[in-house]
């Protein structure tokens, strides 16, 4: 009645993956072929790159100044009592010394 054709056998996964990798690799390599095959431009004497002059090394020594100031000792608090009431007399602490002057301004390039 009806003829059944024999079914094609499928390739194993390993063989398909190997074929896919080989095809992808060949496509990647062949994409670079036009770049390799392109002719190189000729170089004239006017187009030759000139060497830049040697750079000069500049050394900078940074000196940081540290000023040590003795801590301020607060004045003692005295109290006295008299007859009917108690009065506490306190002395104001000595004013703090002015802060040290800021270091001199420097100009940096911001690089290392």
PDB file of N, CA and C in Angstrom:
ATOM      1  N   UNK A   1       0.797  -1.175   0.000  1.00  0.00           N
ATOM      2  CA  UNK A   1       0.000   0.000   0.000  1.00  0.00           C
ATOM      3  C   UNK A   1       0.855   1.260   0.000  1.00  0.00           C
ATOM      4  N   UNK A   2       1.328   1.656   1.143  1.00  0.00           N
ATOM      5  CA  UNK A   2       2.208   2.821   1.170  1.00  0.00           C
ATOM      6  C   UNK A   2       3.611   2.344   1.481  1.00  0.00           C
ATOM      7  N   UNK A   3       4.511   2.937   0.791  1.00  0.00           N
ATOM      8  CA  UNK A   3       5.911   2.587   1.045  1.00  0.00           C
ATOM      9  C   UNK A   3       6.481   3.553   2.087  1.00  0.00           C
ATOM     10  N   UNK A   4       7.072   2.976   3.089  1.00  0.00           N
ATOM     11  CA  UNK A   4       7.717   3.796   4.112  1.00  0.00           C
ATOM     12  C   UNK A   4       9.198   3.899   3.789  1.00  0.00           C
ATOM     13  N   UNK A   5       9.636   5.155   3.711  1.00  0.00           N
ATOM     14  CA  UNK A   5      11.067   5.334   3.467  1.00  0.00           C
ATOM     15  C   UNK A   5      11.824   5.122   4.765  1.00  0.00           C
ATOM     16  N   UNK A   6      13.037   4.702   4.616  1.00  0.00           N
ATOM     17  CA  UNK A   6      13.876   4.519   5.802  1.00  0.00           C
ATOM     18  C   UNK A   6      14.211   5.899   6.375  1.00  0.00           C
ATOM     19  N   UNK A   7      14.112   6.031   7.659  1.00  0.00           N
ATOM     20  CA  UNK A   7      14.356   7.300   8.325  1.00  0.00           C
ATOM     21  C   UNK A   7      15.864   7.564   8.407  1.00  0.00           C
ATOM     22  N   UNK A   8      16.249   8.821   8.192  1.00  0.00           N
ATOM     23  CA  UNK A   8      17.673   9.164   8.272  1.00  0.00           C
ATOM     24  C   UNK A   8      18.117   9.097   9.722  1.00  0.00           C
ATOM     25  N   UNK A   9      19.323   8.672   9.931  1.00  0.00           N
ATOM     26  CA  UNK A   9      19.847   8.617  11.295  1.00  0.00           C
ATOM     27  C   UNK A   9      20.369   9.995  11.670  1.00  0.00           C
ATOM     28  N   UNK A  10      20.185  10.380  12.925  1.00  0.00           N
ATOM     29  CA  UNK A  10      20.634  11.681  13.418  1.00  0.00           C
ATOM     30  C   UNK A  10      22.088  11.589  13.853  1.00  0.00           C
ATOM     31  N   UNK A  11      22.791  12.707  13.691  1.00  0.00           N
ATOM     32  CA  UNK A  11      24.170  12.765  14.161  1.00  0.00           C
ATOM     33  C   UNK A  11      24.163  12.883  15.675  1.00  0.00           C
ATOM     34  N   UNK A  12      25.165  12.337  16.318  1.00  0.00           N
ATOM     35  CA  UNK A  12      25.242  12.505  17.777  1.00  0.00           C
ATOM     36  C   UNK A  12      25.567  13.964  18.135  1.00  0.00           C
ATOM     37  N   UNK A  13      25.221  14.346  19.382  1.00  0.00           N
ATOM     38  CA  UNK A  13      25.443  15.727  19.834  1.00  0.00           C
ATOM     39  C   UNK A  13      26.907  16.136  19.745  1.00  0.00           C
ATOM     40  N   UNK A  14      27.790  15.243  20.096  1.00  0.00           N
ATOM     41  CA  UNK A  14      29.216  15.570  20.066  1.00  0.00           C
ATOM     42  C   UNK A  14      29.681  15.934  18.670  1.00  0.00           C
ATOM     43  N   UNK A  15      29.221  15.209  17.670  1.00  0.00           N
ATOM     44  CA  UNK A  15      29.632  15.485  16.297  1.00  0.00           C
ATOM     45  C   UNK A  15      29.037  16.823  15.831  1.00  0.00           C
ATOM     46  N   UNK A  16      27.786  17.117  16.202  1.00  0.00           N
ATOM     47  CA  UNK A  16      27.175  18.396  15.826  1.00  0.00           C
ATOM     48  C   UNK A  16      27.893  19.572  16.474  1.00  0.00           C
ATOM     49  N   UNK A  17      28.247  19.419  17.731  1.00  0.00           N
ATOM     50  CA  UNK A  17      28.971  20.503  18.410  1.00  0.00           C
ATOM     51  C   UNK A  17      30.333  20.734  17.778  1.00  0.00           C
ATOM     52  N   UNK A  18      31.025  19.658  17.424  1.00  0.00           N
ATOM     53  CA  UNK A  18      32.339  19.797  16.786  1.00  0.00           C
ATOM     54  C   UNK A  18      32.197  20.498  15.439  1.00  0.00           C
ATOM     55  N   UNK A  19      31.158  20.138  14.686  1.00  0.00           N
ATOM     56  CA  UNK A  19      30.928  20.782  13.399  1.00  0.00           C
ATOM     57  C   UNK A  19      30.603  22.272  13.596  1.00  0.00           C
ATOM     58  N   UNK A  20      29.801  22.606  14.619  1.00  0.00           N
ATOM     59  CA  UNK A  20      29.468  24.006  14.883  1.00  0.00           C
ATOM     60  C   UNK A  20      30.714  24.797  15.274  1.00  0.00           C
ATOM     61  N   UNK A  21      31.564  24.243  16.122  1.00  0.00           N
ATOM     62  CA  UNK A  21      32.804  24.928  16.518  1.00  0.00           C
ATOM     63  C   UNK A  21      33.716  25.136  15.309  1.00  0.00           C
ATOM     64  N   UNK A  22      33.845  24.118  14.484  1.00  0.00           N
ATOM     65  CA  UNK A  22      34.718  24.231  13.309  1.00  0.00           C
ATOM     66  C   UNK A  22      34.181  25.282  12.344  1.00  0.00           C
ATOM     67  N   UNK A  23      32.877  25.309  12.139  1.00  0.00           N
ATOM     68  CA  UNK A  23      32.282  26.295  11.239  1.00  0.00           C
ATOM     69  C   UNK A  23      32.458  27.712  11.787  1.00  0.00           C
ATOM     70  N   UNK A  24      32.237  27.897  13.093  1.00  0.00           N
ATOM     71  CA  UNK A  24      32.416  29.216  13.701  1.00  0.00           C
ATOM     72  C   UNK A  24      33.861  29.685  13.635  1.00  0.00           C
ATOM     73  N   UNK A  25      34.799  28.783  13.901  1.00  0.00           N
ATOM     74  CA  UNK A  25      36.214  29.149  13.821  1.00  0.00           C
ATOM     75  C   UNK A  25      36.625  29.531  12.420  1.00  0.00           C
ATOM     76  N   UNK A  26      36.127  28.773  11.431  1.00  0.00           N
ATOM     77  CA  UNK A  26      36.462  29.086  10.035  1.00  0.00           C
ATOM     78  C   UNK A  26      35.880  30.443   9.641  1.00  0.00           C
ATOM     79  N   UNK A  27      34.675  30.740  10.079  1.00  0.00           N
ATOM     80  CA  UNK A  27      34.074  32.036   9.757  1.00  0.00           C
ATOM     81  C   UNK A  27      34.859  33.166  10.400  1.00  0.00           C
ATOM     82  N   UNK A  28      35.345  32.959  11.622  1.00  0.00           N
ATOM     83  CA  UNK A  28      36.120  33.986  12.309  1.00  0.00           C
ATOM     84  C   UNK A  28      37.444  34.242  11.591  1.00  0.00           C
ATOM     85  N   UNK A  29      38.117  33.186  11.190  1.00  0.00           N
ATOM     86  CA  UNK A  29      39.409  33.329  10.512  1.00  0.00           C
ATOM     87  C   UNK A  29      39.218  33.939   9.133  1.00  0.00           C
ATOM     88  N   UNK A  30      38.196  33.509   8.410  1.00  0.00           N
ATOM     89  CA  UNK A  30      37.992  34.028   7.062  1.00  0.00           C
ATOM     90  C   UNK A  30      37.518  35.474   7.057  1.00  0.00           C
ATOM     91  N   UNK A  31      36.976  35.959   8.186  1.00  0.00           N
ATOM     92  CA  UNK A  31      36.572  37.360   8.252  1.00  0.00           C
ATOM     93  C   UNK A  31      37.791  38.280   8.248  1.00  0.00           C
ATOM     94  N   UNK A  32      38.930  37.799   8.734  1.00  0.00           N
ATOM     95  CA  UNK A  32      40.145  38.612   8.777  1.00  0.00           C
ATOM     96  C   UNK A  32      40.941  38.517   7.479  1.00  0.00           C
ATOM     97  N   UNK A  33      40.573  37.619   6.592  1.00  0.00           N
ATOM     98  CA  UNK A  33      41.326  37.432   5.348  1.00  0.00           C
ATOM     99  C   UNK A  33      41.381  38.704   4.496  1.00  0.00           C
ATOM    100  N   UNK A  34      40.300  39.464   4.322  1.00  0.00           N
ATOM    101  CA  UNK A  34      40.416  40.694   3.511  1.00  0.00           C
ATOM    102  C   UNK A  34      41.374  41.717   4.128  1.00  0.00           C
ATOM    103  N   UNK A  35      41.460  41.760   5.439  1.00  0.00           N
ATOM    104  CA  UNK A  35      42.392  42.704   6.072  1.00  0.00           C
ATOM    105  C   UNK A  35      43.838  42.315   5.805  1.00  0.00           C
ATOM    106  N   UNK A  36      44.092  41.024   5.803  1.00  0.00           N
ATOM    107  CA  UNK A  36      45.463  40.558   5.563  1.00  0.00           C
ATOM    108  C   UNK A  36      45.826  40.723   4.092  1.00  0.00           C
ATOM    109  N   UNK A  37      44.861  40.508   3.214  1.00  0.00           N
ATOM    110  CA  UNK A  37      45.134  40.548   1.779  1.00  0.00           C
ATOM    111  C   UNK A  37      45.198  41.965   1.230  1.00  0.00           C
ATOM    112  N   UNK A  38      44.759  42.968   1.982  1.00  0.00           N
ATOM    113  CA  UNK A  38      44.760  44.349   1.487  1.00  0.00           C
ATOM    114  C   UNK A  38      46.196  44.830   1.307  1.00  0.00           C
ATOM    115  N   UNK A  39      46.461  45.578   0.213  1.00  0.00           N
ATOM    116  CA  UNK A  39      47.831  46.073  -0.004  1.00  0.00           C
ATOM    117  C   UNK A  39      48.177  47.164   1.017  1.00  0.00           C
ATOM    118  N   UNK A  40      49.425  47.178   1.384  1.00  0.00           N
ATOM    119  CA  UNK A  40      49.891  48.181   2.346  1.00  0.00           C
ATOM    120  C   UNK A  40      50.211  49.473   1.595  1.00  0.00           C
ATOM    121  N   UNK A  41      49.869  50.633   2.174  1.00  0.00           N
ATOM    122  CA  UNK A  41      50.158  51.904   1.491  1.00  0.00           C
ATOM    123  C   UNK A  41      51.659  52.173   1.487  1.00  0.00           C
ATOM    124  N   UNK A  42      52.081  52.896   0.457  1.00  0.00           N
ATOM    125  CA  UNK A  42      53.497  53.242   0.370  1.00  0.00           C
ATOM    126  C   UNK A  42      53.801  54.373   1.336  1.00  0.00           C
ATOM    127  N   UNK A  43      55.034  54.410   1.823  1.00  0.00           N
ATOM    128  CA  UNK A  43      55.438  55.422   2.797  1.00  0.00           C
ATOM    129  C   UNK A  43      56.413  56.372   2.126  1.00  0.00           C
ATOM    130  N   UNK A  44      56.063  57.664   2.101  1.00  0.00           N
ATOM    131  CA  UNK A  44      56.954  58.676   1.546  1.00  0.00           C
ATOM    132  C   UNK A  44      57.896  59.173   2.630  1.00  0.00           C
ATOM    133  N   UNK A  45      58.932  59.880   2.220  1.00  0.00           N
ATOM    134  CA  UNK A  45      59.885  60.424   3.181  1.00  0.00           C
ATOM    135  C   UNK A  45      59.221  61.503   4.046  1.00  0.00           C
ATOM    136  N   UNK A  46      58.237  62.207   3.500  1.00  0.00           N
ATOM    137  CA  UNK A  46      57.573  63.264   4.257  1.00  0.00           C
ATOM    138  C   UNK A  46      56.621  62.682   5.300  1.00  0.00           C
ATOM    139  N   UNK A  47      56.199  61.437   5.108  1.00  0.00           N
ATOM    140  CA  UNK A  47      55.246  60.825   6.023  1.00  0.00           C
ATOM    141  C   UNK A  47      55.903  60.031   7.140  1.00  0.00           C
ATOM    142  N   UNK A  48      57.208  59.882   7.105  1.00  0.00           N
ATOM    143  CA  UNK A  48      57.865  59.084   8.132  1.00  0.00           C
ATOM    144  C   UNK A  48      57.720  59.772   9.486  1.00  0.00           C
ATOM    145  N   UNK A  49      57.383  59.026  10.488  1.00  0.00           N
ATOM    146  CA  UNK A  49      57.220  59.651  11.813  1.00  0.00           C
ATOM    147  C   UNK A  49      58.573  60.053  12.388  1.00  0.00           C
ATOM    148  N   UNK A  50      58.589  61.226  12.967  1.00  0.00           N
ATOM    149  CA  UNK A  50      59.831  61.701  13.594  1.00  0.00           C
ATOM    150  C   UNK A  50      59.803  61.339  15.063  1.00  0.00           C
ATOM    151  N   UNK A  51      60.953  61.089  15.574  1.00  0.00           N
ATOM    152  CA  UNK A  51      61.041  60.740  16.988  1.00  0.00           C
ATOM    153  C   UNK A  51      60.900  61.994  17.840  1.00  0.00           C
ATOM    154  N   UNK A  52      60.150  61.875  18.889  1.00  0.00           N
ATOM    155  CA  UNK A  52      59.977  62.991  19.812  1.00  0.00           C
ATOM    156  C   UNK A  52      61.258  63.168  20.624  1.00  0.00           C
ATOM    157  N   UNK A  53      61.565  64.390  21.018  1.00  0.00           N
ATOM    158  CA  UNK A  53      62.768  64.586  21.832  1.00  0.00           C
ATOM    159  C   UNK A  53      62.620  63.876  23.178  1.00  0.00           C
ATOM    160  N   UNK A  54      63.743  63.530  23.749  1.00  0.00           N
ATOM    161  CA  UNK A  54      63.735  62.824  25.033  1.00  0.00           C
ATOM    162  C   UNK A  54      63.087  63.697  26.095  1.00  0.00           C
ATOM    163  N   UNK A  55      62.283  63.083  26.925  1.00  0.00           N
ATOM    164  CA  UNK A  55      61.607  63.842  27.979  1.00  0.00           C
ATOM    165  C   UNK A  55      62.549  64.060  29.149  1.00  0.00           C
ATOM    166  N   UNK A  56      62.395  65.201  29.772  1.00  0.00           N
ATOM    167  CA  UNK A  56      63.240  65.536  30.898  1.00  0.00           C
ATOM    168  C   UNK A  56      62.536  65.127  32.188  1.00  0.00           C
ATOM    169  N   UNK A  57      63.261  64.474  33.062  1.00  0.00           N
ATOM    170  CA  UNK A  57      62.696  64.026  34.329  1.00  0.00           C
ATOM    171  C   UNK A  57      62.812  65.156  35.341  1.00  0.00           C
ATOM    172  N   UNK A  58      61.695  65.478  35.959  1.00  0.00           N
ATOM    173  CA  UNK A  58      61.679  66.545  36.961  1.00  0.00           C
ATOM    174  C   UNK A  58      61.400  65.908  38.308  1.00  0.00           C
ATOM    175  N   UNK A  59      62.310  66.136  39.244  1.00  0.00           N
ATOM    176  CA  UNK A  59      62.126  65.598  40.597  1.00  0.00           C
ATOM    177  C   UNK A  59      61.629  66.709  41.488  1.00  0.00           C
ATOM    178  N   UNK A  60      60.639  66.389  42.307  1.00  0.00           N
ATOM    179  CA  UNK A  60      60.136  67.360  43.262  1.00  0.00           C
ATOM    180  C   UNK A  60      60.162  66.735  44.634  1.00  0.00           C
ATOM    181  N   UNK A  61      60.777  67.420  45.531  1.00  0.00           N
ATOM    182  CA  UNK A  61      60.826  66.944  46.910  1.00  0.00           C
ATOM    183  C   UNK A  61      59.782  67.718  47.704  1.00  0.00           C
ATOM    184  N   UNK A  62      58.849  67.004  48.276  1.00  0.00           N
ATOM    185  CA  UNK A  62      57.792  67.646  49.054  1.00  0.00           C
ATOM    186  C   UNK A  62      58.192  67.588  50.516  1.00  0.00           C
ATOM    187  N   UNK A  63      58.236  68.746  51.142  1.00  0.00           N
ATOM    188  CA  UNK A  63      58.604  68.823  52.550  1.00  0.00           C
ATOM    189  C   UNK A  63      57.358  69.216  53.316  1.00  0.00           C
ATOM    190  N   UNK A  64      57.003  68.413  54.283  1.00  0.00           N
ATOM    191  CA  UNK A  64      55.837  68.718  55.104  1.00  0.00           C
ATOM    192  C   UNK A  64      56.335  69.205  56.452  1.00  0.00           C
ATOM    193  N   UNK A  65      55.748  70.283  56.911  1.00  0.00           N
ATOM    194  CA  UNK A  65      56.152  70.870  58.172  1.00  0.00           C
ATOM    195  C   UNK A  65      55.133  70.466  59.228  1.00  0.00           C
ATOM    196  N   UNK A  66      55.632  69.967  60.350  1.00  0.00           N
ATOM    197  CA  UNK A  66      54.771  69.574  61.457  1.00  0.00           C
ATOM    198  C   UNK A  66      55.064  70.500  62.622  1.00  0.00           C
ATOM    199  N   UNK A  67      54.016  71.144  63.137  1.00  0.00           N
ATOM    200  CA  UNK A  67      54.160  72.051  64.269  1.00  0.00           C
ATOM    201  C   UNK A  67      53.493  71.396  65.468  1.00  0.00           C
ATOM    202  N   UNK A  68      54.254  71.209  66.539  1.00  0.00           N
ATOM    203  CA  UNK A  68      53.724  70.599  67.753  1.00  0.00           C
ATOM    204  C   UNK A  68      53.453  71.707  68.759  1.00  0.00           C
ATOM    205  N   UNK A  69      52.226  71.761  69.229  1.00  0.00           N
ATOM    206  CA  UNK A  69      51.814  72.798  70.174  1.00  0.00           C
ATOM    207  C   UNK A  69      51.444  72.114  71.474  1.00  0.00           C
ATOM    208  N   UNK A  70      51.925  72.674  72.596  1.00  0.00           N
ATOM    209  CA  UNK A  70      51.570  72.111  73.906  1.00  0.00           C
ATOM    210  C   UNK A  70      50.076  72.288  74.143  1.00  0.00           C
ATOM    211  N   UNK A  71      49.434  71.306  74.778  1.00  0.00           N
ATOM    212  CA  UNK A  71      47.993  71.443  75.031  1.00  0.00           C
ATOM    213  C   UNK A  71      47.738  72.569  76.040  1.00  0.00           C
ATOM    214  N   UNK A  72      46.575  73.186  75.939  1.00  0.00           N
ATOM    215  CA  UNK A  72      46.201  74.285  76.817  1.00  0.00           C
ATOM    216  C   UNK A  72      45.740  73.697  78.141  1.00  0.00           C
ATOM    217  N   UNK A  73      46.314  74.192  79.217  1.00  0.00           N
ATOM    218  CA  UNK A  73      45.924  73.722  80.549  1.00  0.00           C
ATOM    219  C   UNK A  73      44.837  74.659  81.062  1.00  0.00           C
ATOM    220  N   UNK A  74      43.643  74.131  81.377  1.00  0.00           N
ATOM    221  CA  UNK A  74      42.577  75.024  81.848  1.00  0.00           C
ATOM    222  C   UNK A  74      42.912  75.562  83.240  1.00  0.00           C
ATOM    223  N   UNK A  75      42.431  76.764  83.509  1.00  0.00           N
ATOM    224  CA  UNK A  75      42.662  77.388  84.811  1.00  0.00           C
ATOM    225  C   UNK A  75      41.830  76.658  85.869  1.00  0.00           C
ATOM    226  N   UNK A  76      42.329  76.571  87.085  1.00  0.00           N
ATOM    227  CA  UNK A  76      41.575  75.855  88.125  1.00  0.00           C
ATOM    228  C   UNK A  76      40.319  76.631  88.517  1.00  0.00           C
ATOM    229  N   UNK A  77      39.295  75.902  88.913  1.00  0.00           N
ATOM    230  CA  UNK A  77      38.038  76.493  89.355  1.00  0.00           C
ATOM    231  C   UNK A  77      38.124  76.655  90.867  1.00  0.00           C
ATOM    232  N   UNK A  78      37.839  77.870  91.345  1.00  0.00           N
ATOM    233  CA  UNK A  78      37.890  78.111  92.792  1.00  0.00           C
ATOM    234  C   UNK A  78      36.488  78.378  93.304  1.00  0.00           C
ATOM    235  N   UNK A  79      36.247  77.983  94.521  1.00  0.00           N
ATOM    236  CA  UNK A  79      34.944  78.257  95.122  1.00  0.00           C
ATOM    237  C   UNK A  79      35.177  78.831  96.513  1.00  0.00           C
ATOM    238  N   UNK A  80      34.322  79.719  96.894  1.00  0.00           N
ATOM    239  CA  UNK A  80      34.426  80.298  98.237  1.00  0.00           C
ATOM    240  C   UNK A  80      33.015  80.422  98.799  1.00  0.00           C
ATOM    241  N   UNK A  81      32.920  80.293 100.060  1.00  0.00           N
ATOM    242  CA  UNK A  81      31.613  80.425 100.710  1.00  0.00           C
ATOM    243  C   UNK A  81      31.682  81.584 101.684  1.00  0.00           C
ATOM    244  N   UNK A  82      30.612  82.287 101.820  1.00  0.00           N
ATOM    245  CA  UNK A  82      30.574  83.390 102.795  1.00  0.00           C
ATOM    246  C   UNK A  82      29.248  83.331 103.537  1.00  0.00           C
ATOM    247  N   UNK A  83      29.241  83.720 104.720  1.00  0.00           N
ATOM    248  CA  UNK A  83      28.129  83.787 105.657  1.00  0.00           C
ATOM    249  C   UNK A  83      26.841  83.108 105.243  1.00  0.00           C
ATOM    250  N   UNK A  84      25.917  83.852 104.648  1.00  0.00           N
ATOM    251  CA  UNK A  84      24.558  83.354 104.469  1.00  0.00           C
ATOM    252  C   UNK A  84      24.375  82.556 103.183  1.00  0.00           C
ATOM    253  N   UNK A  85      25.107  82.834 102.176  1.00  0.00           N
ATOM    254  CA  UNK A  85      24.907  82.120 100.909  1.00  0.00           C
ATOM    255  C   UNK A  85      26.221  81.580 100.369  1.00  0.00           C
ATOM    256  N   UNK A  86      26.079  80.744  99.419  1.00  0.00           N
ATOM    257  CA  UNK A  86      27.308  80.215  98.813  1.00  0.00           C
ATOM    258  C   UNK A  86      27.456  80.822  97.427  1.00  0.00           C
ATOM    259  N   UNK A  87      28.639  81.211  97.115  1.00  0.00           N
ATOM    260  CA  UNK A  87      28.931  81.791  95.810  1.00  0.00           C
ATOM    261  C   UNK A  87      30.084  81.007  95.207  1.00  0.00           C
ATOM    262  N   UNK A  88      29.907  80.631  93.962  1.00  0.00           N
ATOM    263  CA  UNK A  88      30.989  79.918  93.266  1.00  0.00           C
ATOM    264  C   UNK A  88      31.557  80.866  92.236  1.00  0.00           C
ATOM    265  N   UNK A  89      32.849  81.058  92.331  1.00  0.00           N
ATOM    266  CA  UNK A  89      33.511  81.917  91.365  1.00  0.00           C
ATOM    267  C   UNK A  89      34.327  81.018  90.444  1.00  0.00           C
ATOM    268  N   UNK A  90      34.139  81.199  89.205  1.00  0.00           N
ATOM    269  CA  UNK A  90      34.894  80.408  88.230  1.00  0.00           C
ATOM    270  C   UNK A  90      35.665  81.350  87.327  1.00  0.00           C
ATOM    271  N   UNK A  91      36.845  80.953  87.018  1.00  0.00           N
ATOM    272  CA  UNK A  91      37.647  81.747  86.104  1.00  0.00           C
ATOM    273  C   UNK A  91      37.464  81.167  84.701  1.00  0.00           C
ATOM    274  N   UNK A  92      37.416  82.023  83.753  1.00  0.00           N
ATOM    275  CA  UNK A  92      37.269  81.564  82.364  1.00  0.00           C
ATOM    276  C   UNK A  92      38.570  80.909  81.921  1.00  0.00           C
ATOM    277  N   UNK A  93      38.480  79.848  81.153  1.00  0.00           N
ATOM    278  CA  UNK A  93      39.714  79.224  80.662  1.00  0.00           C
ATOM    279  C   UNK A  93      40.455  80.167  79.714  1.00  0.00           C
ATOM    280  N   UNK A  94      41.744  79.967  79.666  1.00  0.00           N
ATOM    281  CA  UNK A  94      42.564  80.812  78.804  1.00  0.00           C
ATOM    282  C   UNK A  94      42.154  80.577  77.346  1.00  0.00           C
ATOM    283  N   UNK A  95      42.189  81.609  76.530  1.00  0.00           N
ATOM    284  CA  UNK A  95      41.815  81.420  75.122  1.00  0.00           C
ATOM    285  C   UNK A  95      42.824  80.515  74.410  1.00  0.00           C
ATOM    286  N   UNK A  96      42.307  79.765  73.490  1.00  0.00           N
ATOM    287  CA  UNK A  96      43.173  78.853  72.738  1.00  0.00           C
ATOM    288  C   UNK A  96      44.098  79.654  71.823  1.00  0.00           C
ATOM    289  N   UNK A  97      45.314  79.148  71.626  1.00  0.00           N
ATOM    290  CA  UNK A  97      46.233  79.869  70.733  1.00  0.00           C
ATOM    291  C   UNK A  97      45.698  79.803  69.298  1.00  0.00           C
ATOM    292  N   UNK A  98      46.070  80.749  68.490  1.00  0.00           N
ATOM    293  CA  UNK A  98      45.587  80.734  67.100  1.00  0.00           C
ATOM    294  C   UNK A  98      46.151  79.499  66.374  1.00  0.00           C
ATOM    295  N   UNK A  99      45.410  78.987  65.403  1.00  0.00           N
ATOM    296  CA  UNK A  99      45.900  77.813  64.677  1.00  0.00           C
ATOM    297  C   UNK A  99      47.147  78.166  63.876  1.00  0.00           C
ATOM    298  N   UNK A 100      47.965  77.163  63.603  1.00  0.00           N
ATOM    299  CA  UNK A 100      49.186  77.443  62.826  1.00  0.00           C
ATOM    300  C   UNK A 100      48.803  77.881  61.415  1.00  0.00           C
ATOM    301  N   UNK A 101      49.658  78.634  60.775  1.00  0.00           N
ATOM    302  CA  UNK A 101      49.344  79.087  59.416  1.00  0.00           C
ATOM    303  C   UNK A 101      49.287  77.908  58.461  1.00  0.00           C
ATOM    304  N   UNK A 102      48.481  77.998  57.403  1.00  0.00           N
ATOM    305  CA  UNK A 102      48.397  76.883  56.454  1.00  0.00           C
ATOM    306  C   UNK A 102      49.705  76.742  55.693  1.00  0.00           C
ATOM    307  N   UNK A 103      49.973  75.529  55.190  1.00  0.00           N
ATOM    308  CA  UNK A 103      51.208  75.341  54.423  1.00  0.00           C
ATOM    309  C   UNK A 103      51.149  76.174  53.133  1.00  0.00           C
ATOM    310  N   UNK A 104      52.288  76.484  52.572  1.00  0.00           N
ATOM    311  CA  UNK A 104      52.285  77.296  51.338  1.00  0.00           C
ATOM    312  C   UNK A 104      51.582  76.543  50.217  1.00  0.00           C
ATOM    313  N   UNK A 105      50.911  77.286  49.358  1.00  0.00           N
ATOM    314  CA  UNK A 105      50.184  76.680  48.246  1.00  0.00           C
ATOM    315  C   UNK A 105      51.181  76.118  47.242  1.00  0.00           C
ATOM    316  N   UNK A 106      50.861  74.931  46.741  1.00  0.00           N
ATOM    317  CA  UNK A 106      51.727  74.316  45.722  1.00  0.00           C
ATOM    318  C   UNK A 106      50.894  74.058  44.474  1.00  0.00           C
ATOM    319  N   UNK A 107      51.541  74.027  43.376  1.00  0.00           N
ATOM    320  CA  UNK A 107      50.879  73.739  42.108  1.00  0.00           C
ATOM    321  C   UNK A 107      51.278  72.336  41.693  1.00  0.00           C
ATOM    322  N   UNK A 108      50.268  71.522  41.433  1.00  0.00           N
ATOM    323  CA  UNK A 108      50.552  70.149  41.001  1.00  0.00           C
ATOM    324  C   UNK A 108      49.882  69.891  39.671  1.00  0.00           C
ATOM    325  N   UNK A 109      50.358  68.882  38.985  1.00  0.00           N
ATOM    326  CA  UNK A 109      49.749  68.489  37.720  1.00  0.00           C
ATOM    327  C   UNK A 109      48.693  67.439  37.924  1.00  0.00           C
ATOM    328  N   UNK A 110      48.600  66.893  39.126  1.00  0.00           N
ATOM    329  CA  UNK A 110      47.567  65.897  39.406  1.00  0.00           C
ATOM    330  C   UNK A 110      47.960  64.494  39.013  1.00  0.00           C
ATOM    331  N   UNK A 111      49.071  64.283  38.394  1.00  0.00           N
ATOM    332  CA  UNK A 111      49.500  62.950  37.985  1.00  0.00           C
ATOM    333  C   UNK A 111      50.414  62.321  39.018  1.00  0.00           C
ATOM    334  N   UNK A 112      50.898  61.161  38.696  1.00  0.00           N
ATOM    335  CA  UNK A 112      51.824  60.518  39.637  1.00  0.00           C
ATOM    336  C   UNK A 112      53.239  60.691  39.187  1.00  0.00           C
TER     337      UNK A 112
END
